[in-house]
Amino acid sequence: MAQPILEIRDLTVEFDTEDGVVRAVTGVSYDLAPGEVLGIVGESGSGKSVSMLSVLGLIPKPPGRIPSGHATFEGEDLLTMSSSRLRDLRGGRIAMIFQDPMTSLNPVLTIGDQISEAILVHNSGTSDDDARKRTVELLELVGVPFAERRVDQYPHEFSGGMRQRAMIAMAIANDPAVLIADEPTTALDVTIQAQIVEVLKAAQRETHAAIVLITHDLGLVAELADRVVVMYAGRVVELADVFTIFNEPRHPYTIGLMNSLARLDADLDRLEPIPGQPPSLITPPPGCAFHPRCAISQGRAICRTEVPPLKAVGVQEAPHDSACHFADELANLGAARAGTAS
């Protein structure tokens, strides 16, 4: 793998609440290579978005805090740099597509004004006319029809899919090196989701950016990602290339996610949901956080008493890490054969 453009090491994020300290992210480490698409998947509350928002300085402090960790981008630690330097990077070298464009866009400014502002803030020598011209080009690139006219419309005049296209246009306006897409197809119908996937592909071709794709949609991961990070209860539980994750999963949580999906290659009478609920991040269970929902554990003491480390499993041409005490037992089972507790 090429030298990573972004390296996250031992990232821990906490929030103070009335009920206690929420450990939203615990000891998370992964790399992002130039030009790759890294999918981060998991249920709601697994720490997917918080890990990225904290790296960009976008969590409120207080109640949030980052007691440990490093996030190195092009030789600089994002977690220790000054606020002004971080603002220079955000929207420039690092850009983010947020989950809900309606709440991310300013309702009283035109789409064109908002994209142009992103260009002007990071390119002080650019004229207003040049910024507008670039804005129209960006809207055309992401598939907004009649861009020359629609550039003067307001967010409420765009459909949900078109607002998401405008957000992608804004994110790629300054040719970022890293593009973070947080649930970019949430709340869109299936047809529009497919269109947004094609827009993201076009955006990467345009910018050559590395993409962090945060999602619970494994279909989207299969379509776009090169490697996958699986998170559960604030920890990374599996990490491998996308082919390995889908064909040789080595963590029971990953297998549970696979089994809960509808499949085109199998005639299933019913889907298999993962039983139970994700644990409280204020009072997580001892040992492996997944053990109360896991059939592989079968009540074994080590699962209830020791947190499994993320370590290499099997003999792979590409790195494959799993945080399961009994990952070897899952070898060759595949998502179609391995089950979860019922």
Protein backbone atom coordinates (compact mmCIF):
# COMPACT_ATOMS: atom_id res chain seq x y z
CA MET A 1 0.00 0.00 0.00
CA ALA A 2 1.16 3.53 -0.73
CA GLN A 3 2.16 5.86 2.07
CA PRO A 4 -1.12 6.77 3.84
CA ILE A 5 -2.48 10.25 3.35
CA LEU A 6 -4.38 9.96 6.64
CA GLU A 7 -3.29 7.87 9.63
CA ILE A 8 -5.55 7.51 12.67
CA ARG A 9 -3.97 5.92 15.73
CA ASP A 10 -5.55 4.97 19.06
CA LEU A 11 -8.36 7.52 18.74
CA THR A 12 -10.64 7.75 21.77
CA VAL A 13 -13.61 10.13 21.99
CA GLU A 14 -15.78 10.69 25.07
CA PHE A 15 -18.85 12.76 25.88
CA ASP A 16 -20.02 13.86 29.33
CA THR A 17 -23.75 13.31 29.86
CA GLU A 18 -26.10 13.47 32.84
CA ASP A 19 -26.03 9.67 33.00
CA GLY A 20 -22.26 9.34 32.84
CA VAL A 21 -19.37 9.35 30.39
CA VAL A 22 -20.17 7.98 26.94
CA ARG A 23 -17.10 6.35 25.37
CA ALA A 24 -18.21 6.83 21.75
CA VAL A 25 -14.90 5.77 20.19
CA THR A 26 -12.26 3.58 21.83
CA GLY A 27 -8.74 2.99 20.54
CA VAL A 28 -9.61 3.25 16.85
CA SER A 29 -6.75 2.94 14.34
CA TYR A 30 -6.77 2.76 10.54
CA ASP A 31 -5.06 4.27 7.50
CA LEU A 32 -6.33 5.87 4.30
CA ALA A 33 -4.21 5.52 1.18
CA PRO A 34 -4.18 8.17 -1.58
CA GLY A 35 -6.98 7.59 -4.05
CA GLU A 36 -8.64 4.69 -2.22
CA VAL A 37 -12.21 4.40 -0.98
CA LEU A 38 -12.37 3.25 2.63
CA GLY A 39 -15.80 2.14 3.81
CA ILE A 40 -16.65 2.45 7.51
CA VAL A 41 -19.71 0.37 8.39
CA GLY A 42 -21.70 -0.51 11.49
CA GLU A 43 -25.02 0.03 13.21
CA SER A 44 -26.14 3.44 14.41
CA GLY A 45 -24.10 4.45 17.45
CA SER A 46 -21.06 2.38 16.51
CA GLY A 47 -18.81 5.44 16.32
CA LYS A 48 -18.53 5.76 12.53
CA SER A 49 -19.40 9.44 12.20
CA VAL A 50 -18.00 10.55 15.56
CA SER A 51 -14.55 9.27 14.67
CA MET A 52 -14.43 11.47 11.56
CA LEU A 53 -16.14 14.50 13.09
CA SER A 54 -13.67 14.48 15.97
CA VAL A 55 -10.71 14.33 13.58
CA LEU A 56 -12.04 17.44 11.82
CA GLY A 57 -12.63 19.31 15.08
CA LEU A 58 -16.41 19.25 14.61
CA ILE A 59 -17.52 17.76 17.93
CA PRO A 60 -18.63 20.24 20.61
CA LYS A 61 -16.09 20.66 23.42
CA PRO A 62 -17.54 20.34 26.01
CA PRO A 63 -19.26 17.93 26.33
CA GLY A 64 -16.95 16.10 23.93
CA ARG A 65 -13.24 15.48 24.41
CA ILE A 66 -10.45 13.44 22.84
CA PRO A 67 -8.35 11.95 25.69
CA SER A 68 -6.00 10.08 23.37
CA GLY A 69 -5.09 9.55 19.76
CA HIS A 70 -3.38 10.98 16.71
CA ALA A 71 -4.73 11.80 13.24
CA THR A 72 -1.87 12.56 10.89
CA PHE A 73 -2.71 14.21 7.58
CA GLU A 74 0.18 14.97 5.24
CA GLY A 75 2.57 15.02 8.19
CA GLU A 76 0.43 17.20 10.49
CA ASP A 77 -1.61 16.01 13.48
CA LEU A 78 -5.17 17.23 13.03
CA LEU A 79 -5.88 16.76 16.74
CA THR A 80 -3.17 19.15 17.94
CA MET A 81 -3.06 21.81 15.21
CA SER A 82 -4.47 25.29 15.73
CA SER A 83 -8.10 26.08 15.00
CA SER A 84 -7.11 28.47 12.21
CA ARG A 85 -4.97 25.85 10.49
CA LEU A 86 -7.78 23.30 10.78
CA ARG A 87 -10.22 25.77 9.22
CA ASP A 88 -7.80 26.22 6.31
CA LEU A 89 -7.81 22.46 5.71
CA ARG A 90 -11.56 21.92 6.10
CA GLY A 91 -13.29 22.55 2.80
CA GLY A 92 -9.91 22.70 1.11
CA ARG A 93 -7.60 19.71 1.37
CA ILE A 94 -10.21 17.80 3.41
CA ALA A 95 -13.90 18.09 2.60
CA MET A 96 -17.03 16.48 4.01
CA ILE A 97 -20.41 15.59 2.54
CA PHE A 98 -22.84 15.65 5.44
CA GLN A 99 -25.73 13.28 5.96
CA ASP A 100 -28.60 15.77 5.64
CA PRO A 101 -28.07 18.46 2.98
CA MET A 102 -31.20 20.36 4.00
CA THR A 103 -29.71 21.15 7.41
CA SER A 104 -26.19 21.64 6.02
CA LEU A 105 -27.16 24.22 3.40
CA ASN A 106 -28.09 27.78 4.39
CA PRO A 107 -31.77 28.25 3.47
CA VAL A 108 -31.45 32.01 2.83
CA LEU A 109 -28.51 31.84 0.42
CA THR A 110 -28.64 30.54 -3.13
CA ILE A 111 -26.93 27.28 -4.00
CA GLY A 112 -24.52 29.21 -6.20
CA ASP A 113 -23.58 31.67 -3.47
CA GLN A 114 -22.79 28.83 -1.06
CA ILE A 115 -20.59 26.91 -3.49
CA SER A 116 -18.89 30.12 -4.64
CA GLU A 117 -18.16 31.05 -1.03
CA ALA A 118 -16.35 27.72 -0.55
CA ILE A 119 -14.21 28.53 -3.58
CA LEU A 120 -13.47 32.15 -2.58
CA VAL A 121 -12.57 31.32 1.03
CA HIS A 122 -9.81 28.95 -0.06
CA ASN A 123 -8.67 30.84 -3.18
CA SER A 124 -8.17 34.48 -2.27
CA GLY A 125 -7.09 35.52 -5.79
CA THR A 126 -10.25 34.24 -7.46
CA SER A 127 -12.77 36.79 -8.76
CA ASP A 128 -16.50 36.53 -8.14
CA ASP A 129 -17.10 35.90 -11.84
CA ASP A 130 -14.56 33.09 -11.95
CA ALA A 131 -16.04 31.56 -8.81
CA ARG A 132 -19.51 31.62 -10.36
CA LYS A 133 -18.22 30.06 -13.57
CA ARG A 134 -16.52 27.29 -11.58
CA THR A 135 -19.72 26.78 -9.58
CA VAL A 136 -21.74 26.21 -12.75
CA GLU A 137 -19.10 23.75 -13.99
CA LEU A 138 -19.29 21.86 -10.70
CA LEU A 139 -23.09 21.66 -10.78
CA GLU A 140 -22.90 20.33 -14.34
CA LEU A 141 -20.29 17.79 -13.27
CA VAL A 142 -22.54 16.36 -10.56
CA GLY A 143 -25.51 16.19 -12.91
CA VAL A 144 -27.65 19.18 -11.95
CA PRO A 145 -29.65 20.03 -15.10
CA PHE A 146 -29.82 23.62 -16.38
CA ALA A 147 -26.99 24.53 -14.00
CA GLU A 148 -26.64 28.05 -15.40
CA ARG A 149 -30.17 28.81 -14.24
CA ARG A 150 -30.38 26.66 -11.13
CA VAL A 151 -27.23 28.18 -9.66
CA ASP A 152 -29.44 31.09 -8.53
CA GLN A 153 -32.05 28.91 -6.83
CA TYR A 154 -32.39 28.30 -3.10
CA PRO A 155 -32.05 24.94 -1.31
CA HIS A 156 -35.83 24.54 -0.89
CA GLU A 157 -36.17 24.68 -4.68
CA PHE A 158 -33.96 21.60 -5.05
CA SER A 159 -35.17 18.03 -4.49
CA GLY A 160 -33.39 15.87 -1.90
CA GLY A 161 -31.25 14.21 -4.55
CA MET A 162 -30.37 17.55 -6.15
CA ARG A 163 -29.44 19.04 -2.78
CA GLN A 164 -27.10 16.10 -2.22
CA ARG A 165 -25.56 16.72 -5.64
CA ALA A 166 -25.03 20.37 -4.67
CA MET A 167 -23.34 19.26 -1.44
CA ILE A 168 -21.00 17.00 -3.43
CA ALA A 169 -20.25 19.89 -5.79
CA MET A 170 -19.36 22.08 -2.81
CA ALA A 171 -17.17 19.36 -1.29
CA ILE A 172 -15.09 18.89 -4.44
CA ALA A 173 -14.88 22.59 -5.28
CA ASN A 174 -11.27 22.88 -4.11
CA ASP A 175 -9.99 19.50 -5.33
CA PRO A 176 -9.65 17.91 -1.87
CA ALA A 177 -7.12 15.19 -1.15
CA VAL A 178 -9.59 13.52 1.26
CA LEU A 179 -13.36 13.47 0.81
CA ILE A 180 -15.48 12.24 3.74
CA ALA A 181 -18.99 11.12 2.78
CA ASP A 182 -21.24 10.62 5.81
CA GLU A 183 -24.26 8.48 4.86
CA PRO A 184 -24.49 10.21 1.45
CA THR A 185 -27.56 8.24 0.28
CA THR A 186 -29.63 8.25 3.48
CA ALA A 187 -33.33 9.18 3.04
CA LEU A 188 -33.08 8.99 -0.76
CA ASP A 189 -35.10 6.51 -2.79
CA VAL A 190 -33.33 3.63 -4.50
CA THR A 191 -33.18 5.23 -7.94
CA ILE A 192 -31.70 8.45 -6.58
CA GLN A 193 -29.25 6.47 -4.44
CA ALA A 194 -27.90 4.80 -7.57
CA GLN A 195 -27.50 8.20 -9.22
CA ILE A 196 -25.62 9.59 -6.21
CA VAL A 197 -23.26 6.59 -6.35
CA GLU A 198 -22.43 7.53 -9.95
CA VAL A 199 -21.94 11.16 -8.91
CA LEU A 200 -19.49 10.08 -6.20
CA LYS A 201 -17.58 8.03 -8.77
CA ALA A 202 -17.45 11.05 -11.07
CA ALA A 203 -16.31 13.25 -8.18
CA GLN A 204 -13.43 10.92 -7.43
CA ARG A 205 -12.40 10.81 -11.09
CA GLU A 206 -12.41 14.61 -11.11
CA THR A 207 -10.41 15.14 -7.91
CA HIS A 208 -8.51 11.83 -7.48
CA ALA A 209 -9.41 12.19 -3.80
CA ALA A 210 -9.27 9.42 -1.25
CA ILE A 211 -12.78 8.85 0.10
CA VAL A 212 -13.93 7.82 3.56
CA LEU A 213 -17.42 6.39 3.05
CA ILE A 214 -19.39 6.25 6.31
CA THR A 215 -22.49 4.12 5.92
CA HIS A 216 -24.64 1.29 7.22
CA ASP A 217 -25.44 0.31 3.61
CA LEU A 218 -23.33 -2.72 2.71
CA GLY A 219 -24.56 -2.54 -0.87
CA LEU A 220 -23.03 0.91 -1.19
CA VAL A 221 -19.79 -0.40 0.31
CA ALA A 222 -19.70 -3.27 -2.18
CA GLU A 223 -20.21 -0.81 -5.02
CA LEU A 224 -17.62 1.78 -4.04
CA ALA A 225 -15.13 0.66 -1.38
CA ASP A 226 -11.65 -0.79 -1.77
CA ARG A 227 -11.23 -1.63 1.93
CA VAL A 228 -13.70 -1.84 4.79
CA VAL A 229 -13.53 -0.97 8.49
CA VAL A 230 -16.29 -2.64 10.53
CA MET A 231 -17.08 -0.86 13.81
CA TYR A 232 -19.09 -2.04 16.79
CA ALA A 233 -19.61 -0.22 20.10
CA GLY A 234 -16.94 2.34 19.30
CA ARG A 235 -14.23 -0.15 18.32
CA VAL A 236 -12.86 -1.53 15.07
CA VAL A 237 -13.80 -5.22 15.01
CA GLU A 238 -12.70 -6.14 11.49
CA LEU A 239 -10.62 -4.57 8.73
CA ALA A 240 -9.87 -6.00 5.29
CA ASP A 241 -10.27 -5.41 1.57
CA VAL A 242 -13.86 -5.39 0.34
CA PHE A 243 -13.64 -8.79 -1.38
CA THR A 244 -12.38 -10.45 1.80
CA ILE A 245 -14.99 -8.79 4.00
CA PHE A 246 -17.83 -10.08 1.83
CA ASN A 247 -16.41 -13.53 1.09
CA GLU A 248 -14.32 -14.44 4.15
CA PRO A 249 -15.65 -12.46 7.13
CA ARG A 250 -13.84 -13.36 10.34
CA HIS A 251 -15.87 -11.58 12.98
CA PRO A 252 -19.36 -12.74 14.11
CA TYR A 253 -20.68 -9.17 13.95
CA THR A 254 -19.64 -8.83 10.30
CA ILE A 255 -21.27 -12.17 9.56
CA GLY A 256 -24.43 -10.98 11.31
CA LEU A 257 -24.51 -7.89 9.11
CA MET A 258 -24.17 -10.06 6.01
CA ASN A 259 -26.92 -12.43 7.11
CA SER A 260 -29.33 -9.55 7.70
CA LEU A 261 -29.16 -8.52 4.04
CA ALA A 262 -31.42 -9.64 1.21
CA ARG A 263 -29.41 -11.58 -1.40
CA LEU A 264 -29.79 -12.14 -5.13
CA ASP A 265 -27.82 -15.41 -5.11
CA ALA A 266 -29.97 -17.21 -2.52
CA ASP A 267 -33.67 -17.95 -2.01
CA LEU A 268 -34.27 -16.96 1.61
CA ASP A 269 -37.59 -17.38 3.38
CA ARG A 270 -36.65 -14.73 5.91
CA LEU A 271 -33.73 -12.51 6.82
CA GLU A 272 -31.70 -13.16 9.97
CA PRO A 273 -31.52 -10.03 12.11
CA ILE A 274 -28.76 -9.70 14.66
CA PRO A 275 -30.52 -10.46 17.96
CA GLY A 276 -30.55 -8.05 20.88
CA GLN A 277 -29.48 -4.43 20.95
CA PRO A 278 -26.13 -2.64 20.76
CA PRO A 279 -24.66 -2.16 24.25
CA SER A 280 -24.72 0.99 26.32
CA LEU A 281 -21.55 3.00 25.76
CA ILE A 282 -21.83 4.30 29.34
CA THR A 283 -21.82 0.85 30.92
CA PRO A 284 -20.61 -1.55 28.21
CA PRO A 285 -20.49 -5.27 28.99
CA PRO A 286 -17.15 -6.63 30.21
CA GLY A 287 -14.94 -8.45 27.75
CA CYS A 288 -16.01 -8.44 24.10
CA ALA A 289 -18.85 -5.93 23.64
CA PHE A 290 -20.53 -8.24 21.13
CA HIS A 291 -20.59 -11.36 23.30
CA PRO A 292 -24.21 -10.95 24.58
CA ARG A 293 -25.41 -11.15 20.95
CA CYS A 294 -22.90 -13.71 19.66
CA ALA A 295 -23.47 -17.42 18.99
CA ILE A 296 -19.76 -18.08 18.51
CA SER A 297 -19.07 -17.11 22.13
CA GLN A 298 -21.31 -19.88 23.51
CA GLY A 299 -20.77 -18.60 27.04
CA ARG A 300 -16.99 -19.02 26.98
CA ALA A 301 -15.34 -17.12 29.80
CA ILE A 302 -12.71 -15.31 27.75
CA CYS A 303 -15.44 -13.54 25.74
CA ARG A 304 -16.98 -12.24 28.96
CA THR A 305 -13.75 -11.16 30.62
CA GLU A 306 -11.17 -10.05 28.02
CA VAL A 307 -11.46 -7.44 25.27
CA PRO A 308 -10.19 -9.16 22.10
CA PRO A 309 -7.35 -7.26 20.39
CA LEU A 310 -7.52 -6.39 16.72
CA LYS A 311 -4.96 -8.72 15.14
CA ALA A 312 -4.07 -10.37 11.86
CA VAL A 313 -6.01 -13.52 11.04
CA GLY A 314 -5.40 -16.36 8.62
CA VAL A 315 -2.92 -16.33 5.78
CA GLN A 316 -3.91 -13.54 3.42
CA GLU A 317 -2.20 -11.84 0.50
CA ALA A 318 -3.73 -8.60 1.77
CA PRO A 319 -3.95 -7.61 5.45
CA HIS A 320 -7.01 -8.92 7.30
CA ASP A 321 -7.55 -8.02 10.97
CA SER A 322 -10.25 -9.23 13.34
CA ALA A 323 -11.02 -8.53 16.99
CA CYS A 324 -12.47 -11.93 17.91
CA HIS A 325 -10.98 -14.48 20.29
CA PHE A 326 -12.21 -17.27 18.03
CA ALA A 327 -11.70 -15.77 14.58
CA ASP A 328 -10.01 -18.98 13.41
CA GLU A 329 -13.26 -20.88 13.99
CA LEU A 330 -14.94 -18.64 11.44
CA ALA A 331 -12.50 -19.52 8.64
CA ASN A 332 -14.28 -20.71 5.51
CA LEU A 333 -17.72 -20.42 7.06
CA GLY A 334 -18.66 -17.39 4.96
CA ALA A 335 -21.64 -15.14 5.54
CA ALA A 336 -24.07 -17.68 4.14
CA ARG A 337 -23.22 -20.44 6.63
CA ALA A 338 -22.29 -18.68 9.88
CA GLY A 339 -25.14 -17.69 12.17
CA THR A 340 -25.77 -15.45 15.13
CA ALA A 341 -27.58 -16.16 18.36
CA SER A 342 -31.31 -16.62 18.06
